[in-house]
Amino acid sequence: MLLDHYASNTENVSDKDVFCKKSSFYGLSFTVYNEKTDALLRHFCSPENFCQFGTGSPLYAATVTGNLQMVRLLCDYGARTCESDLFKYTPLHVAVFYEHTEIAQYLINEGADINCQNKEGETPLYIASNNGNEEIVKLLLQYNANVNLCNIDGISPLLIASFWSYQNVAELLIHFKADVNLCGNRDDSPLFIACLKGDVELVLLLLENNCCINICSQFSLKRMLSLDVHRRVEF
């Protein structure tokens, strides 16, 4: 009904309609594209009319639902790919999280910041690596995503891939020059994580790529000190 009203009444819109009109763009982004959605956007949509909700922009909403046609339409009418929600998730973050590869590709082509970070410091590449999605990881790397950009805990895409034992993702990251010795804030290296999880194949991969075997994490250091104190008490 909202679409019927605005698509068929494109003239003489009162000031009282402005809030409803602008708010409709967010809900509109969840709908299937048709002539009425196009009419509403064509007559009312401009960059300044995109509502800024804490949950994200209309482009953000269309990305969540995997609505590529609506994503294209919104971008055609000036939607900004850099707009984020309260937690600094951009549409590209969302496309990667929900594994909407085509939308991710489209947003990148539209100029989305491939190295954007949310409040946790997570990049799209970090999220793709955390998901174990080889296709999206490769896509982002081919567009020069920073392979060594870490989150606020110092965890790199390679470190999170090592944690989940995503062998193929780790191989891709290393092929694109991931630092095999880049540690988290607790000094946990990819090799330490792989050893901790008993992932022999990943350990071999890291060793073949010249990782340092002598990096000591805070976890392992505290564990060794605890064992040493325990032995001294027993003695």
C-alpha atoms as a PDB file:
ATOM      1  CA  MET A   1       0.000   0.000   0.000  1.00  0.00           C
ATOM      2  CA  LEU A   2       2.873   2.340   0.812  1.00  0.00           C
ATOM      3  CA  LEU A   3       4.374   1.693  -2.587  1.00  0.00           C
ATOM      4  CA  ASP A   4       0.997   2.170  -4.281  1.00  0.00           C
ATOM      5  CA  HIS A   5       0.590   5.520  -2.522  1.00  0.00           C
ATOM      6  CA  TYR A   6       3.980   6.973  -3.340  1.00  0.00           C
ATOM      7  CA  ALA A   7       4.402   5.417  -6.756  1.00  0.00           C
ATOM      8  CA  SER A   8       1.073   6.808  -7.915  1.00  0.00           C
ATOM      9  CA  ASN A   9       1.328  10.181  -6.117  1.00  0.00           C
ATOM     10  CA  THR A  10       4.669  11.624  -7.119  1.00  0.00           C
ATOM     11  CA  GLU A  11       3.532  15.246  -6.999  1.00  0.00           C
ATOM     12  CA  ASN A  12       2.337  17.563  -4.229  1.00  0.00           C
ATOM     13  CA  VAL A  13       3.846  15.564  -1.390  1.00  0.00           C
ATOM     14  CA  SER A  14       3.400  17.497   1.863  1.00  0.00           C
ATOM     15  CA  ASP A  15       6.082  18.077   4.471  1.00  0.00           C
ATOM     16  CA  LYS A  16       4.207  15.708   6.779  1.00  0.00           C
ATOM     17  CA  ASP A  17       4.936  12.916   4.306  1.00  0.00           C
ATOM     18  CA  VAL A  18       8.689  13.433   4.410  1.00  0.00           C
ATOM     19  CA  PHE A  19       9.427  11.258   7.435  1.00  0.00           C
ATOM     20  CA  CYS A  20       7.218   8.428   6.169  1.00  0.00           C
ATOM     21  CA  LYS A  21       8.690   8.756   2.700  1.00  0.00           C
ATOM     22  CA  LYS A  22      12.277   8.645   3.929  1.00  0.00           C
ATOM     23  CA  SER A  23      11.599   5.861   6.424  1.00  0.00           C
ATOM     24  CA  SER A  24      10.044   3.774   3.677  1.00  0.00           C
ATOM     25  CA  PHE A  25      13.402   3.378   1.951  1.00  0.00           C
ATOM     26  CA  TYR A  26      14.673   1.097   4.706  1.00  0.00           C
ATOM     27  CA  GLY A  27      11.660  -1.232   4.588  1.00  0.00           C
ATOM     28  CA  LEU A  28      11.640  -0.989   0.821  1.00  0.00           C
ATOM     29  CA  SER A  29      15.088  -2.550   0.745  1.00  0.00           C
ATOM     30  CA  PHE A  30      13.654  -5.828   2.013  1.00  0.00           C
ATOM     31  CA  THR A  31      11.146  -6.059  -0.829  1.00  0.00           C
ATOM     32  CA  VAL A  32      11.363  -7.697  -4.228  1.00  0.00           C
ATOM     33  CA  TYR A  33      12.135  -5.253  -7.006  1.00  0.00           C
ATOM     34  CA  ASN A  34       9.229  -4.221  -9.223  1.00  0.00           C
ATOM     35  CA  GLU A  35       8.045  -1.171 -11.156  1.00  0.00           C
ATOM     36  CA  LYS A  36       6.592   0.436  -8.020  1.00  0.00           C
ATOM     37  CA  THR A  37       9.848   0.256  -6.085  1.00  0.00           C
ATOM     38  CA  ASP A  38      11.616   1.803  -9.049  1.00  0.00           C
ATOM     39  CA  ALA A  39       9.002   4.562  -9.246  1.00  0.00           C
ATOM     40  CA  LEU A  40       9.351   5.393  -5.559  1.00  0.00           C
ATOM     41  CA  LEU A  41      13.121   5.592  -5.809  1.00  0.00           C
ATOM     42  CA  ARG A  42      13.054   7.493  -9.088  1.00  0.00           C
ATOM     43  CA  HIS A  43      10.816  10.260  -7.734  1.00  0.00           C
ATOM     44  CA  PHE A  44      11.961  10.527  -4.131  1.00  0.00           C
ATOM     45  CA  CYS A  45      15.363   8.975  -3.709  1.00  0.00           C
ATOM     46  CA  SER A  46      18.527  11.041  -3.388  1.00  0.00           C
ATOM     47  CA  PRO A  47      21.682  10.475  -1.323  1.00  0.00           C
ATOM     48  CA  GLU A  48      20.474  12.716   1.502  1.00  0.00           C
ATOM     49  CA  ASN A  49      17.205  10.777   1.756  1.00  0.00           C
ATOM     50  CA  PHE A  50      18.814   7.544   2.871  1.00  0.00           C
ATOM     51  CA  CYS A  51      17.772   7.087   6.493  1.00  0.00           C
ATOM     52  CA  GLN A  52      20.522   6.610   9.040  1.00  0.00           C
ATOM     53  CA  PHE A  53      19.197   4.012  11.472  1.00  0.00           C
ATOM     54  CA  GLY A  54      21.347   2.298  14.079  1.00  0.00           C
ATOM     55  CA  THR A  55      20.646  -0.935  12.240  1.00  0.00           C
ATOM     56  CA  GLY A  56      22.106   0.356   8.991  1.00  0.00           C
ATOM     57  CA  SER A  57      21.099   1.974   5.727  1.00  0.00           C
ATOM     58  CA  PRO A  58      18.671   0.676   3.088  1.00  0.00           C
ATOM     59  CA  LEU A  59      21.690  -0.642   1.180  1.00  0.00           C
ATOM     60  CA  TYR A  60      22.731  -2.485   4.337  1.00  0.00           C
ATOM     61  CA  ALA A  61      19.234  -4.009   4.614  1.00  0.00           C
ATOM     62  CA  ALA A  62      19.184  -5.097   0.973  1.00  0.00           C
ATOM     63  CA  THR A  63      22.586  -6.708   1.452  1.00  0.00           C
ATOM     64  CA  VAL A  64      21.449  -8.649   4.523  1.00  0.00           C
ATOM     65  CA  THR A  65      18.660 -10.274   2.515  1.00  0.00           C
ATOM     66  CA  GLY A  66      20.915 -11.000  -0.454  1.00  0.00           C
ATOM     67  CA  ASN A  67      18.781  -8.826  -2.730  1.00  0.00           C
ATOM     68  CA  LEU A  68      21.289  -8.078  -5.503  1.00  0.00           C
ATOM     69  CA  GLN A  69      18.745  -6.367  -7.729  1.00  0.00           C
ATOM     70  CA  MET A  70      17.779  -3.965  -4.948  1.00  0.00           C
ATOM     71  CA  VAL A  71      21.452  -3.384  -4.092  1.00  0.00           C
ATOM     72  CA  ARG A  72      22.079  -2.373  -7.704  1.00  0.00           C
ATOM     73  CA  LEU A  73      19.031  -0.121  -7.766  1.00  0.00           C
ATOM     74  CA  LEU A  74      19.995   1.659  -4.539  1.00  0.00           C
ATOM     75  CA  CYS A  75      23.547   2.204  -5.779  1.00  0.00           C
ATOM     76  CA  ASP A  76      22.184   3.555  -9.059  1.00  0.00           C
ATOM     77  CA  TYR A  77      20.272   6.151  -7.034  1.00  0.00           C
ATOM     78  CA  GLY A  78      23.270   7.214  -4.987  1.00  0.00           C
ATOM     79  CA  ALA A  79      23.448   4.880  -1.986  1.00  0.00           C
ATOM     80  CA  ARG A  80      26.836   5.158  -0.316  1.00  0.00           C
ATOM     81  CA  THR A  81      28.717   1.891   0.124  1.00  0.00           C
ATOM     82  CA  CYS A  82      30.618   3.273   3.119  1.00  0.00           C
ATOM     83  CA  GLU A  83      27.579   3.781   5.388  1.00  0.00           C
ATOM     84  CA  SER A  84      27.736   1.584   8.488  1.00  0.00           C
ATOM     85  CA  ASP A  85      25.610   0.602  11.479  1.00  0.00           C
ATOM     86  CA  LEU A  86      26.335   1.421  15.132  1.00  0.00           C
ATOM     87  CA  PHE A  87      28.974  -1.299  15.241  1.00  0.00           C
ATOM     88  CA  LYS A  88      30.685  -0.007  12.083  1.00  0.00           C
ATOM     89  CA  TYR A  89      29.566  -2.909   9.917  1.00  0.00           C
ATOM     90  CA  THR A  90      29.367  -1.714   6.309  1.00  0.00           C
ATOM     91  CA  PRO A  91      27.351  -3.383   3.538  1.00  0.00           C
ATOM     92  CA  LEU A  92      30.562  -5.133   2.434  1.00  0.00           C
ATOM     93  CA  HIS A  93      31.054  -6.580   5.930  1.00  0.00           C
ATOM     94  CA  VAL A  94      27.472  -7.834   5.794  1.00  0.00           C
ATOM     95  CA  ALA A  95      27.774  -9.303   2.291  1.00  0.00           C
ATOM     96  CA  VAL A  96      30.863 -11.220   3.376  1.00  0.00           C
ATOM     97  CA  PHE A  97      29.324 -12.361   6.672  1.00  0.00           C
ATOM     98  CA  TYR A  98      26.219 -13.741   4.952  1.00  0.00           C
ATOM     99  CA  GLU A  99      28.377 -15.110   2.131  1.00  0.00           C
ATOM    100  CA  HIS A 100      26.627 -13.154  -0.628  1.00  0.00           C
ATOM    101  CA  THR A 101      29.531 -13.391  -3.072  1.00  0.00           C
ATOM    102  CA  GLU A 102      27.870 -11.603  -5.994  1.00  0.00           C
ATOM    103  CA  ILE A 103      26.855  -8.679  -3.814  1.00  0.00           C
ATOM    104  CA  ALA A 104      30.358  -8.467  -2.345  1.00  0.00           C
ATOM    105  CA  GLN A 105      31.780  -8.358  -5.869  1.00  0.00           C
ATOM    106  CA  TYR A 106      29.288  -5.662  -6.890  1.00  0.00           C
ATOM    107  CA  LEU A 107      29.988  -3.491  -3.829  1.00  0.00           C
ATOM    108  CA  ILE A 108      33.727  -3.702  -4.458  1.00  0.00           C
ATOM    109  CA  ASN A 109      33.163  -2.628  -8.056  1.00  0.00           C
ATOM    110  CA  GLU A 110      31.097   0.288  -6.718  1.00  0.00           C
ATOM    111  CA  GLY A 111      34.047   1.479  -4.647  1.00  0.00           C
ATOM    112  CA  ALA A 112      33.429  -0.109  -1.237  1.00  0.00           C
ATOM    113  CA  ASP A 113      36.414   0.185   1.099  1.00  0.00           C
ATOM    114  CA  ILE A 114      37.850  -3.320   1.042  1.00  0.00           C
ATOM    115  CA  ASN A 115      39.864  -2.732   4.229  1.00  0.00           C
ATOM    116  CA  CYS A 116      37.071  -1.138   6.291  1.00  0.00           C
ATOM    117  CA  GLN A 117      37.086  -2.172   9.955  1.00  0.00           C
ATOM    118  CA  ASN A 118      34.163  -2.531  12.345  1.00  0.00           C
ATOM    119  CA  LYS A 119      34.327  -1.605  16.034  1.00  0.00           C
ATOM    120  CA  GLU A 120      36.164  -4.857  16.739  1.00  0.00           C
ATOM    121  CA  GLY A 121      38.706  -4.004  14.055  1.00  0.00           C
ATOM    122  CA  GLU A 122      37.470  -6.812  11.811  1.00  0.00           C
ATOM    123  CA  THR A 123      37.893  -6.378   8.058  1.00  0.00           C
ATOM    124  CA  PRO A 124      35.836  -8.180   5.404  1.00  0.00           C
ATOM    125  CA  LEU A 125      38.871 -10.440   4.850  1.00  0.00           C
ATOM    126  CA  TYR A 126      38.974 -11.306   8.549  1.00  0.00           C
ATOM    127  CA  ILE A 127      35.271 -12.203   8.497  1.00  0.00           C
ATOM    128  CA  ALA A 128      35.647 -14.313   5.346  1.00  0.00           C
ATOM    129  CA  SER A 129      38.624 -16.117   6.909  1.00  0.00           C
ATOM    130  CA  ASN A 130      36.643 -16.687  10.107  1.00  0.00           C
ATOM    131  CA  ASN A 131      33.842 -18.186   7.987  1.00  0.00           C
ATOM    132  CA  GLY A 132      36.265 -20.375   6.044  1.00  0.00           C
ATOM    133  CA  ASN A 133      34.861 -19.067   2.762  1.00  0.00           C
ATOM    134  CA  GLU A 134      37.633 -19.662   0.226  1.00  0.00           C
ATOM    135  CA  GLU A 135      35.766 -18.033  -2.657  1.00  0.00           C
ATOM    136  CA  ILE A 136      35.249 -14.720  -0.873  1.00  0.00           C
ATOM    137  CA  VAL A 137      38.738 -14.789   0.661  1.00  0.00           C
ATOM    138  CA  LYS A 138      40.188 -15.168  -2.835  1.00  0.00           C
ATOM    139  CA  LEU A 139      37.944 -12.407  -4.194  1.00  0.00           C
ATOM    140  CA  LEU A 140      39.052  -9.945  -1.513  1.00  0.00           C
ATOM    141  CA  LEU A 141      42.721 -10.826  -1.913  1.00  0.00           C
ATOM    142  CA  GLN A 142      42.506 -10.345  -5.676  1.00  0.00           C
ATOM    143  CA  TYR A 143      41.301  -6.803  -4.990  1.00  0.00           C
ATOM    144  CA  ASN A 144      44.323  -6.152  -2.764  1.00  0.00           C
ATOM    145  CA  ALA A 145      42.771  -6.566   0.668  1.00  0.00           C
ATOM    146  CA  ASN A 146      45.366  -6.030   3.398  1.00  0.00           C
ATOM    147  CA  VAL A 147      46.192  -9.609   4.343  1.00  0.00           C
ATOM    148  CA  ASN A 148      47.870  -8.618   7.619  1.00  0.00           C
ATOM    149  CA  LEU A 149      45.316  -6.165   9.007  1.00  0.00           C
ATOM    150  CA  CYS A 150      44.373  -7.412  12.488  1.00  0.00           C
ATOM    151  CA  ASN A 151      41.385  -6.887  14.762  1.00  0.00           C
ATOM    152  CA  ILE A 152      41.618  -5.077  18.110  1.00  0.00           C
ATOM    153  CA  ASP A 153      42.957  -8.258  19.744  1.00  0.00           C
ATOM    154  CA  GLY A 154      45.787  -8.434  17.236  1.00  0.00           C
ATOM    155  CA  ILE A 155      44.260 -11.464  15.504  1.00  0.00           C
ATOM    156  CA  SER A 156      45.082 -11.615  11.799  1.00  0.00           C
ATOM    157  CA  PRO A 157      43.081 -13.420   9.093  1.00  0.00           C
ATOM    158  CA  LEU A 158      45.753 -16.157   9.080  1.00  0.00           C
ATOM    159  CA  LEU A 159      45.592 -16.555  12.846  1.00  0.00           C
ATOM    160  CA  ILE A 160      41.805 -16.964  12.842  1.00  0.00           C
ATOM    161  CA  ALA A 161      42.000 -19.381   9.899  1.00  0.00           C
ATOM    162  CA  SER A 162      44.585 -21.377  11.859  1.00  0.00           C
ATOM    163  CA  PHE A 163      42.314 -21.437  14.900  1.00  0.00           C
ATOM    164  CA  TRP A 164      39.513 -23.044  12.867  1.00  0.00           C
ATOM    165  CA  SER A 165      41.936 -25.298  10.946  1.00  0.00           C
ATOM    166  CA  TYR A 166      40.888 -23.857   7.585  1.00  0.00           C
ATOM    167  CA  GLN A 167      43.806 -25.305   5.647  1.00  0.00           C
ATOM    168  CA  ASN A 168      42.786 -24.018   2.207  1.00  0.00           C
ATOM    169  CA  VAL A 169      42.086 -20.521   3.494  1.00  0.00           C
ATOM    170  CA  ALA A 170      45.463 -20.486   5.247  1.00  0.00           C
ATOM    171  CA  GLU A 171      47.161 -21.531   1.998  1.00  0.00           C
ATOM    172  CA  LEU A 172      45.440 -18.705   0.121  1.00  0.00           C
ATOM    173  CA  LEU A 173      46.436 -16.134   2.722  1.00  0.00           C
ATOM    174  CA  ILE A 174      50.047 -17.301   2.740  1.00  0.00           C
ATOM    175  CA  HIS A 175      50.122 -17.256  -1.081  1.00  0.00           C
ATOM    176  CA  PHE A 176      49.123 -13.583  -0.881  1.00  0.00           C
ATOM    177  CA  LYS A 177      51.984 -12.839   1.521  1.00  0.00           C
ATOM    178  CA  ALA A 178      50.344 -13.227   4.915  1.00  0.00           C
ATOM    179  CA  ASP A 179      52.902 -12.839   7.717  1.00  0.00           C
ATOM    180  CA  VAL A 180      53.222 -16.366   9.139  1.00  0.00           C
ATOM    181  CA  ASN A 181      54.772 -14.969  12.329  1.00  0.00           C
ATOM    182  CA  LEU A 182      52.190 -12.275  13.047  1.00  0.00           C
ATOM    183  CA  CYS A 183      50.950 -12.897  16.586  1.00  0.00           C
ATOM    184  CA  GLY A 184      47.891 -11.854  18.540  1.00  0.00           C
ATOM    185  CA  ASN A 185      48.036  -9.620  21.611  1.00  0.00           C
ATOM    186  CA  ARG A 186      48.902 -12.685  23.732  1.00  0.00           C
ATOM    187  CA  ASP A 187      51.783 -13.515  21.368  1.00  0.00           C
ATOM    188  CA  ASP A 188      49.959 -16.556  19.983  1.00  0.00           C
ATOM    189  CA  SER A 189      51.451 -17.331  16.570  1.00  0.00           C
ATOM    190  CA  PRO A 190      49.679 -19.308  13.825  1.00  0.00           C
ATOM    191  CA  LEU A 191      52.171 -22.133  14.483  1.00  0.00           C
ATOM    192  CA  PHE A 192      51.388 -22.158  18.194  1.00  0.00           C
ATOM    193  CA  ILE A 193      47.644 -22.320  17.472  1.00  0.00           C
ATOM    194  CA  ALA A 194      48.119 -25.110  14.915  1.00  0.00           C
ATOM    195  CA  CYS A 195      50.215 -27.112  17.401  1.00  0.00           C
ATOM    196  CA  LEU A 196      47.716 -26.500  20.192  1.00  0.00           C
ATOM    197  CA  LYS A 197      44.946 -27.916  18.000  1.00  0.00           C
ATOM    198  CA  GLY A 198      47.054 -30.821  16.768  1.00  0.00           C
ATOM    199  CA  ASP A 199      46.666 -29.800  13.112  1.00  0.00           C
ATOM    200  CA  VAL A 200      49.651 -31.572  11.554  1.00  0.00           C
ATOM    201  CA  GLU A 201      48.926 -30.440   7.976  1.00  0.00           C
ATOM    202  CA  LEU A 202      48.722 -26.807   9.001  1.00  0.00           C
ATOM    203  CA  VAL A 203      51.899 -27.114  11.080  1.00  0.00           C
ATOM    204  CA  LEU A 204      53.721 -28.488   8.025  1.00  0.00           C
ATOM    205  CA  LEU A 205      52.317 -25.707   5.823  1.00  0.00           C
ATOM    206  CA  LEU A 206      53.563 -23.035   8.209  1.00  0.00           C
ATOM    207  CA  LEU A 207      56.978 -24.671   8.579  1.00  0.00           C
ATOM    208  CA  GLU A 208      57.304 -24.909   4.793  1.00  0.00           C
ATOM    209  CA  ASN A 209      56.745 -21.165   4.666  1.00  0.00           C
ATOM    210  CA  ASN A 210      59.526 -20.350   7.110  1.00  0.00           C
ATOM    211  CA  CYS A 211      57.559 -19.591  10.248  1.00  0.00           C
ATOM    212  CA  CYS A 212      59.552 -19.019  13.421  1.00  0.00           C
ATOM    213  CA  ILE A 213      59.416 -22.013  15.767  1.00  0.00           C
ATOM    214  CA  ASN A 214      60.692 -20.095  18.808  1.00  0.00           C
ATOM    215  CA  ILE A 215      57.898 -17.577  19.369  1.00  0.00           C
ATOM    216  CA  CYS A 216      56.554 -18.123  22.875  1.00  0.00           C
ATOM    217  CA  SER A 217      52.973 -17.125  23.625  1.00  0.00           C
ATOM    218  CA  GLN A 218      51.893 -15.671  26.958  1.00  0.00           C
ATOM    219  CA  PHE A 219      49.644 -18.713  27.390  1.00  0.00           C
ATOM    220  CA  SER A 220      52.482 -21.199  26.992  1.00  0.00           C
ATOM    221  CA  LEU A 221      54.851 -19.084  29.109  1.00  0.00           C
ATOM    222  CA  LYS A 222      52.350 -18.889  31.975  1.00  0.00           C
ATOM    223  CA  ARG A 223      51.727 -22.621  31.668  1.00  0.00           C
ATOM    224  CA  MET A 224      55.446 -23.390  31.876  1.00  0.00           C
ATOM    225  CA  LEU A 225      55.904 -21.084  34.874  1.00  0.00           C
ATOM    226  CA  SER A 226      52.936 -22.730  36.597  1.00  0.00           C
ATOM    227  CA  LEU A 227      54.401 -26.202  36.030  1.00  0.00           C
ATOM    228  CA  ASP A 228      57.813 -25.022  37.235  1.00  0.00           C
ATOM    229  CA  VAL A 229      56.333 -23.626  40.475  1.00  0.00           C
ATOM    230  CA  HIS A 230      54.356 -26.852  40.955  1.00  0.00           C
ATOM    231  CA  ARG A 231      57.508 -28.962  40.570  1.00  0.00           C
ATOM    232  CA  ARG A 232      59.417 -26.779  43.038  1.00  0.00           C
ATOM    233  CA  VAL A 233      56.617 -27.103  45.626  1.00  0.00           C
ATOM    234  CA  GLU A 234      56.589 -30.891  45.199  1.00  0.00           C
ATOM    235  CA  PHE A 235      60.365 -31.032  45.598  1.00  0.00           C
END
